[in-house]
Amino acid sequence: MLVHTGGYFIYDLLGMAFLGILDFDMFLHHLLCIVGMASVLITDVGAGFAGIALFVTEVSNPPMHFRVILRMSGLRYSKAYEVAEYTYFVLFFIGRMLIGHPIVFRILNCGPMSTLAKVFASGILLQSYLFLYRMYFILRARLAETRERSKKGIKIKWFTAMTKEELLKCDFYNKK
């Protein structure tokens, strides 16, 4: 599992670089994951921790990718996008903060675990704080959009984007 996942992270890193969508945060995230998994595979210690950590940290990926697909399909202002985004934020918080902290604590206290694996586990957790900080501001903006639409009586549909006329009635859209 770790070999395949490490391969995926390498593939994804190269793919994002090739497409020109790789930013520093994603480069660092992928590098932390690749080196962390490699250290576990090389030392043959901590595969159980790494497997659990992968599950809880990546549990938010399906709604994250779904919202990107919706946005790229022109459905940014749809109920499906809004639900996917809120689901992504909630799962990210639960996986990275509520479940992730005890896992990182156990990794840090696992004597045989390599120092490199401990550093990279801590790095992923610290980066999660950065992502959550950014999500906070996105969440505030989304909640403001929802409140404004509600006040103006604009209902959004699941898989149909808001019309241009509906968007023009909204301050959040006109400010962009």
C-alpha atoms as a PDB file:
ATOM      1  CA  MET A   1       0.000   0.000   0.000  1.00  0.00           C
ATOM      2  CA  LEU A   2       2.783   2.448   0.902  1.00  0.00           C
ATOM      3  CA  VAL A   3       4.711   1.706  -2.282  1.00  0.00           C
ATOM      4  CA  HIS A   4       1.616   2.358  -4.419  1.00  0.00           C
ATOM      5  CA  THR A   5       0.725   5.481  -2.468  1.00  0.00           C
ATOM      6  CA  GLY A   6       4.273   6.789  -2.689  1.00  0.00           C
ATOM      7  CA  GLY A   7       4.170   6.129  -6.424  1.00  0.00           C
ATOM      8  CA  TYR A   8       0.903   8.034  -6.662  1.00  0.00           C
ATOM      9  CA  PHE A   9       2.395  11.023  -4.822  1.00  0.00           C
ATOM     10  CA  ILE A  10       5.366  11.037  -7.217  1.00  0.00           C
ATOM     11  CA  TYR A  11       3.038  10.764 -10.226  1.00  0.00           C
ATOM     12  CA  ASP A  12       0.759  13.510  -8.885  1.00  0.00           C
ATOM     13  CA  LEU A  13       3.717  15.803  -8.133  1.00  0.00           C
ATOM     14  CA  LEU A  14       5.108  15.359 -11.649  1.00  0.00           C
ATOM     15  CA  GLY A  15       1.644  15.726 -13.198  1.00  0.00           C
ATOM     16  CA  MET A  16       0.956  18.989 -11.391  1.00  0.00           C
ATOM     17  CA  ALA A  17       4.391  20.302 -12.362  1.00  0.00           C
ATOM     18  CA  PHE A  18       3.793  19.322 -16.010  1.00  0.00           C
ATOM     19  CA  LEU A  19       0.362  21.020 -16.025  1.00  0.00           C
ATOM     20  CA  GLY A  20       1.773  24.134 -14.366  1.00  0.00           C
ATOM     21  CA  ILE A  21      -0.518  23.911 -11.336  1.00  0.00           C
ATOM     22  CA  LEU A  22       2.091  22.941  -8.748  1.00  0.00           C
ATOM     23  CA  ASP A  23       2.496  25.565  -6.057  1.00  0.00           C
ATOM     24  CA  PHE A  24       4.926  25.557  -3.142  1.00  0.00           C
ATOM     25  CA  ASP A  25       2.366  24.242  -0.636  1.00  0.00           C
ATOM     26  CA  MET A  26       1.523  21.210  -2.776  1.00  0.00           C
ATOM     27  CA  PHE A  27       5.192  20.623  -3.580  1.00  0.00           C
ATOM     28  CA  LEU A  28       5.989  20.611   0.145  1.00  0.00           C
ATOM     29  CA  HIS A  29       2.991  18.401   0.950  1.00  0.00           C
ATOM     30  CA  HIS A  30       3.945  15.824  -1.670  1.00  0.00           C
ATOM     31  CA  LEU A  31       7.611  15.918  -0.675  1.00  0.00           C
ATOM     32  CA  LEU A  32       6.718  15.358   2.991  1.00  0.00           C
ATOM     33  CA  CYS A  33       4.514  12.394   2.067  1.00  0.00           C
ATOM     34  CA  ILE A  34       7.033  10.834  -0.322  1.00  0.00           C
ATOM     35  CA  VAL A  35      10.003  11.114   2.037  1.00  0.00           C
ATOM     36  CA  GLY A  36       7.931  10.080   5.065  1.00  0.00           C
ATOM     37  CA  MET A  37       6.695   6.943   3.332  1.00  0.00           C
ATOM     38  CA  ALA A  38      10.145   6.180   1.957  1.00  0.00           C
ATOM     39  CA  SER A  39      11.643   6.413   5.448  1.00  0.00           C
ATOM     40  CA  VAL A  40       9.055   3.940   6.766  1.00  0.00           C
ATOM     41  CA  LEU A  41       9.723   1.563   3.876  1.00  0.00           C
ATOM     42  CA  ILE A  42      13.518   1.827   4.223  1.00  0.00           C
ATOM     43  CA  THR A  43      13.600   1.343   8.001  1.00  0.00           C
ATOM     44  CA  ASP A  44      10.771  -1.227   7.958  1.00  0.00           C
ATOM     45  CA  VAL A  45       9.259   0.435  11.048  1.00  0.00           C
ATOM     46  CA  GLY A  46       5.908   2.220  11.285  1.00  0.00           C
ATOM     47  CA  ALA A  47       3.933   0.888   8.330  1.00  0.00           C
ATOM     48  CA  GLY A  48       0.845   0.512  10.539  1.00  0.00           C
ATOM     49  CA  PHE A  49       1.080   4.132  11.630  1.00  0.00           C
ATOM     50  CA  ALA A  50       1.637   5.264   8.045  1.00  0.00           C
ATOM     51  CA  GLY A  51      -1.387   3.297   6.804  1.00  0.00           C
ATOM     52  CA  ILE A  52      -3.672   4.732   9.465  1.00  0.00           C
ATOM     53  CA  ALA A  53      -2.296   8.232   8.891  1.00  0.00           C
ATOM     54  CA  LEU A  54      -2.926   7.924   5.150  1.00  0.00           C
ATOM     55  CA  PHE A  55      -6.539   6.992   5.709  1.00  0.00           C
ATOM     56  CA  VAL A  56      -7.371   9.781   8.146  1.00  0.00           C
ATOM     57  CA  THR A  57      -5.448  12.473   6.281  1.00  0.00           C
ATOM     58  CA  GLU A  58      -6.737  11.569   2.841  1.00  0.00           C
ATOM     59  CA  VAL A  59     -10.369  10.911   3.828  1.00  0.00           C
ATOM     60  CA  SER A  60     -11.266  14.431   2.687  1.00  0.00           C
ATOM     61  CA  ASN A  61      -9.896  13.918  -0.841  1.00  0.00           C
ATOM     62  CA  PRO A  62     -13.100  12.680  -2.576  1.00  0.00           C
ATOM     63  CA  PRO A  63     -15.182  15.784  -1.750  1.00  0.00           C
ATOM     64  CA  MET A  64     -12.134  18.000  -2.399  1.00  0.00           C
ATOM     65  CA  HIS A  65     -11.714  16.569  -5.907  1.00  0.00           C
ATOM     66  CA  PHE A  66     -15.472  16.540  -6.530  1.00  0.00           C
ATOM     67  CA  ARG A  67     -15.686  20.269  -5.831  1.00  0.00           C
ATOM     68  CA  VAL A  68     -12.774  20.949  -8.196  1.00  0.00           C
ATOM     69  CA  ILE A  69     -14.523  18.897 -10.908  1.00  0.00           C
ATOM     70  CA  LEU A  70     -17.735  20.834 -10.308  1.00  0.00           C
ATOM     71  CA  ARG A  71     -15.913  24.174 -10.447  1.00  0.00           C
ATOM     72  CA  MET A  72     -14.141  23.211 -13.675  1.00  0.00           C
ATOM     73  CA  SER A  73     -17.524  22.133 -15.081  1.00  0.00           C
ATOM     74  CA  GLY A  74     -18.977  25.579 -14.452  1.00  0.00           C
ATOM     75  CA  LEU A  75     -20.957  24.503 -11.379  1.00  0.00           C
ATOM     76  CA  ARG A  76     -19.183  26.649  -8.777  1.00  0.00           C
ATOM     77  CA  TYR A  77     -22.488  28.263  -7.800  1.00  0.00           C
ATOM     78  CA  SER A  78     -24.504  25.077  -7.303  1.00  0.00           C
ATOM     79  CA  LYS A  79     -25.766  23.167  -4.289  1.00  0.00           C
ATOM     80  CA  ALA A  80     -23.569  20.171  -5.171  1.00  0.00           C
ATOM     81  CA  TYR A  81     -20.476  22.397  -5.042  1.00  0.00           C
ATOM     82  CA  GLU A  82     -21.514  23.961  -1.756  1.00  0.00           C
ATOM     83  CA  VAL A  83     -22.215  20.589  -0.115  1.00  0.00           C
ATOM     84  CA  ALA A  84     -18.947  19.136  -1.464  1.00  0.00           C
ATOM     85  CA  GLU A  85     -17.005  22.089  -0.106  1.00  0.00           C
ATOM     86  CA  TYR A  86     -18.583  21.934   3.354  1.00  0.00           C
ATOM     87  CA  THR A  87     -18.095  18.153   3.430  1.00  0.00           C
ATOM     88  CA  TYR A  88     -14.451  18.588   2.453  1.00  0.00           C
ATOM     89  CA  PHE A  89     -13.863  21.114   5.241  1.00  0.00           C
ATOM     90  CA  VAL A  90     -15.550  18.955   7.888  1.00  0.00           C
ATOM     91  CA  LEU A  91     -13.740  15.760   6.871  1.00  0.00           C
ATOM     92  CA  PHE A  92     -10.416  17.593   6.656  1.00  0.00           C
ATOM     93  CA  PHE A  93     -10.886  18.942  10.192  1.00  0.00           C
ATOM     94  CA  ILE A  94     -11.980  15.590  11.617  1.00  0.00           C
ATOM     95  CA  GLY A  95      -9.235  13.626   9.849  1.00  0.00           C
ATOM     96  CA  ARG A  96      -6.353  16.024  10.350  1.00  0.00           C
ATOM     97  CA  MET A  97      -7.156  17.518  13.743  1.00  0.00           C
ATOM     98  CA  LEU A  98      -9.364  15.193  15.785  1.00  0.00           C
ATOM     99  CA  ILE A  99      -7.914  11.888  14.613  1.00  0.00           C
ATOM    100  CA  GLY A 100      -4.568  13.069  13.250  1.00  0.00           C
ATOM    101  CA  HIS A 101      -3.236  14.558  16.479  1.00  0.00           C
ATOM    102  CA  PRO A 102      -3.303  11.295  18.459  1.00  0.00           C
ATOM    103  CA  ILE A 103      -1.667   9.478  15.552  1.00  0.00           C
ATOM    104  CA  VAL A 104       1.175  12.012  15.312  1.00  0.00           C
ATOM    105  CA  PHE A 105       1.537  11.862  19.115  1.00  0.00           C
ATOM    106  CA  ARG A 106       1.919   8.085  18.928  1.00  0.00           C
ATOM    107  CA  ILE A 107       4.393   8.362  16.052  1.00  0.00           C
ATOM    108  CA  LEU A 108       6.482  10.850  18.045  1.00  0.00           C
ATOM    109  CA  ASN A 109       6.464   8.508  21.040  1.00  0.00           C
ATOM    110  CA  CYS A 110       7.266   5.361  19.081  1.00  0.00           C
ATOM    111  CA  GLY A 111      10.881   4.647  19.994  1.00  0.00           C
ATOM    112  CA  PRO A 112      11.845   2.498  17.000  1.00  0.00           C
ATOM    113  CA  MET A 113      10.311   4.959  14.493  1.00  0.00           C
ATOM    114  CA  SER A 114      12.989   6.862  12.563  1.00  0.00           C
ATOM    115  CA  THR A 115      13.623  10.508  13.367  1.00  0.00           C
ATOM    116  CA  LEU A 116      12.991  11.300   9.718  1.00  0.00           C
ATOM    117  CA  ALA A 117       9.502   9.742   9.852  1.00  0.00           C
ATOM    118  CA  LYS A 118       8.752  11.706  13.026  1.00  0.00           C
ATOM    119  CA  VAL A 119       9.875  14.969  11.435  1.00  0.00           C
ATOM    120  CA  PHE A 120       7.750  14.359   8.355  1.00  0.00           C
ATOM    121  CA  ALA A 121       4.676  13.359  10.386  1.00  0.00           C
ATOM    122  CA  SER A 122       5.034  16.603  12.342  1.00  0.00           C
ATOM    123  CA  GLY A 123       5.504  18.528   9.091  1.00  0.00           C
ATOM    124  CA  ILE A 124       2.272  17.168   7.638  1.00  0.00           C
ATOM    125  CA  LEU A 125       0.430  18.125  10.826  1.00  0.00           C
ATOM    126  CA  LEU A 126       1.890  21.652  10.765  1.00  0.00           C
ATOM    127  CA  GLN A 127       0.943  22.031   7.126  1.00  0.00           C
ATOM    128  CA  SER A 128      -2.582  20.939   8.033  1.00  0.00           C
ATOM    129  CA  TYR A 129      -2.755  23.908  10.393  1.00  0.00           C
ATOM    130  CA  LEU A 130      -1.842  26.200   7.498  1.00  0.00           C
ATOM    131  CA  PHE A 131      -4.505  24.664   5.278  1.00  0.00           C
ATOM    132  CA  LEU A 132      -7.099  24.964   8.055  1.00  0.00           C
ATOM    133  CA  TYR A 133      -6.192  28.608   8.544  1.00  0.00           C
ATOM    134  CA  ARG A 134      -6.867  29.237   4.856  1.00  0.00           C
ATOM    135  CA  MET A 135     -10.059  27.176   4.946  1.00  0.00           C
ATOM    136  CA  TYR A 136     -11.356  29.348   7.773  1.00  0.00           C
ATOM    137  CA  PHE A 137     -11.449  32.389   5.486  1.00  0.00           C
ATOM    138  CA  ILE A 138     -12.987  30.430   2.618  1.00  0.00           C
ATOM    139  CA  LEU A 139     -15.621  29.079   5.012  1.00  0.00           C
ATOM    140  CA  ARG A 140     -16.440  32.588   6.247  1.00  0.00           C
ATOM    141  CA  ALA A 141     -16.899  33.753   2.654  1.00  0.00           C
ATOM    142  CA  ARG A 142     -19.109  30.744   1.805  1.00  0.00           C
ATOM    143  CA  LEU A 143     -21.309  31.302   4.853  1.00  0.00           C
ATOM    144  CA  ALA A 144     -21.656  34.982   3.908  1.00  0.00           C
ATOM    145  CA  GLU A 145     -22.666  33.935   0.371  1.00  0.00           C
ATOM    146  CA  THR A 146     -25.244  31.515   1.769  1.00  0.00           C
ATOM    147  CA  ARG A 147     -26.684  34.187   4.078  1.00  0.00           C
ATOM    148  CA  GLU A 148     -26.877  36.740   1.264  1.00  0.00           C
ATOM    149  CA  ARG A 149     -28.590  34.305  -1.101  1.00  0.00           C
ATOM    150  CA  SER A 150     -31.044  33.396   1.641  1.00  0.00           C
ATOM    151  CA  LYS A 151     -31.878  37.046   2.356  1.00  0.00           C
ATOM    152  CA  LYS A 152     -32.432  37.679  -1.353  1.00  0.00           C
ATOM    153  CA  GLY A 153     -34.541  34.524  -1.755  1.00  0.00           C
ATOM    154  CA  ILE A 154     -32.189  32.953  -4.293  1.00  0.00           C
ATOM    155  CA  LYS A 155     -32.368  29.160  -4.239  1.00  0.00           C
ATOM    156  CA  ILE A 156     -29.563  27.164  -5.775  1.00  0.00           C
ATOM    157  CA  LYS A 157     -30.011  23.873  -7.571  1.00  0.00           C
ATOM    158  CA  TRP A 158     -27.954  20.722  -7.175  1.00  0.00           C
ATOM    159  CA  PHE A 159     -26.426  20.391 -10.630  1.00  0.00           C
ATOM    160  CA  THR A 160     -27.354  23.664 -12.288  1.00  0.00           C
ATOM    161  CA  ALA A 161     -25.279  26.762 -11.690  1.00  0.00           C
ATOM    162  CA  MET A 162     -26.848  30.037 -10.677  1.00  0.00           C
ATOM    163  CA  THR A 163     -27.796  32.139 -13.684  1.00  0.00           C
ATOM    164  CA  LYS A 164     -25.909  35.289 -14.600  1.00  0.00           C
ATOM    165  CA  GLU A 165     -28.971  37.315 -13.550  1.00  0.00           C
ATOM    166  CA  GLU A 166     -29.022  35.648 -10.119  1.00  0.00           C
ATOM    167  CA  LEU A 167     -25.284  36.168  -9.673  1.00  0.00           C
ATOM    168  CA  LEU A 168     -25.538  39.857 -10.593  1.00  0.00           C
ATOM    169  CA  LYS A 169     -28.038  40.318  -7.753  1.00  0.00           C
ATOM    170  CA  CYS A 170     -25.373  39.165  -5.269  1.00  0.00           C
ATOM    171  CA  ASP A 171     -22.789  41.461  -3.694  1.00  0.00           C
ATOM    172  CA  PHE A 172     -20.338  38.582  -3.215  1.00  0.00           C
ATOM    173  CA  TYR A 173     -20.253  38.058  -6.982  1.00  0.00           C
ATOM    174  CA  ASN A 174     -20.121  41.719  -7.959  1.00  0.00           C
ATOM    175  CA  LYS A 175     -17.119  42.313  -5.679  1.00  0.00           C
ATOM    176  CA  LYS A 176     -15.017  39.777  -7.619  1.00  0.00           C
END
